[in-house]
Protein backbone atom coordinates (compact mmCIF):
# COMPACT_ATOMS: atom_id res chain seq x y z
CA MET A 1 117.66 209.84 31.29
CA MET A 2 115.67 211.72 33.91
CA LEU A 3 118.81 212.44 35.92
CA ARG A 4 120.46 213.99 32.86
CA LEU A 5 117.37 216.12 32.25
CA PHE A 6 117.41 217.76 35.68
CA SER A 7 121.15 218.01 36.40
CA ALA A 8 124.18 219.91 35.09
CA TRP A 9 122.44 223.03 33.82
CA HIS A 10 125.16 225.42 32.66
CA LEU A 11 125.18 228.64 30.66
CA MET A 12 125.39 227.05 27.20
CA ARG A 13 122.57 224.64 27.98
CA LEU A 14 120.36 227.53 29.18
CA PHE A 15 121.27 229.49 26.06
CA ARG A 16 120.20 226.59 23.81
CA LEU A 17 116.93 226.29 25.73
CA GLY A 18 116.18 230.01 25.42
CA LEU A 19 117.10 230.07 21.76
CA GLY A 20 114.95 227.02 21.06
CA ILE A 21 111.95 228.54 22.82
CA ALA A 22 112.38 231.90 21.06
CA ILE A 23 112.73 230.30 17.62
CA SER A 24 109.77 227.98 18.24
CA ILE A 25 107.54 230.92 19.19
CA GLN A 26 108.62 232.78 16.06
CA ALA A 27 108.12 229.66 13.91
CA PHE A 28 104.62 229.22 15.30
CA ARG A 29 103.71 232.86 14.68
CA MET A 30 105.08 232.80 11.10
CA ASN A 31 103.93 229.24 10.27
CA ASP A 32 107.48 228.36 9.24
CA LEU A 33 108.41 224.66 9.23
CA VAL A 34 112.13 225.20 8.70
CA ALA A 35 112.40 227.46 11.74
CA GLY A 36 110.33 224.94 13.69
CA PHE A 37 112.78 222.19 12.77
CA ILE A 38 115.74 224.34 13.86
CA ALA A 39 113.95 225.12 17.12
CA ALA A 40 113.37 221.41 17.69
CA ILE A 41 117.10 220.75 17.24
CA PHE A 42 118.02 223.42 19.81
CA LEU A 43 115.40 222.16 22.26
CA PHE A 44 116.59 218.58 21.87
CA GLN A 45 120.19 219.64 22.49
CA ALA A 46 119.20 221.58 25.60
CA LEU A 47 117.06 218.82 27.09
CA SER A 48 119.45 215.97 26.33
CA ASN A 49 122.58 218.01 27.26
CA THR A 50 124.29 217.30 23.95
CA GLY A 51 125.98 219.60 21.50
CA CYS A 52 126.82 219.43 17.85
CA CYS A 53 129.38 216.70 18.52
CA GLY A 54 127.28 214.78 21.02
CA SER A 55 128.07 214.32 24.67
CA SER A 56 131.78 215.17 24.98
CA GLY A 57 132.30 214.21 21.35
CA CYS A 58 135.02 216.83 20.82
CA HIS A 59 137.00 215.81 23.89
CA ILE A 60 140.67 215.18 23.23
CA ALA A 61 142.25 212.62 25.50
CA LEU A 62 145.38 213.74 27.29
CA GLN A 63 148.41 211.67 26.52
CA LYS A 64 150.42 210.44 29.46
CA LYS A 65 154.09 211.30 29.52
CA GLN A 66 156.32 208.31 29.13
CA THR A 67 159.17 208.24 31.62
């Protein structure tokens, strides 16, 4: 788990982290629980390197050509 936390930081993962931090600051300032929950989802996705479909959940396996 710790290796996944500190490796493979790419643009989408940084975007999720920034969005989660920005929404959490706004949720704290406005005392909004719904925005806080959404921020927690984005922060979890950024820290665990998962997306909406999970880790490579939308990956389509390539079919081998039969000869």
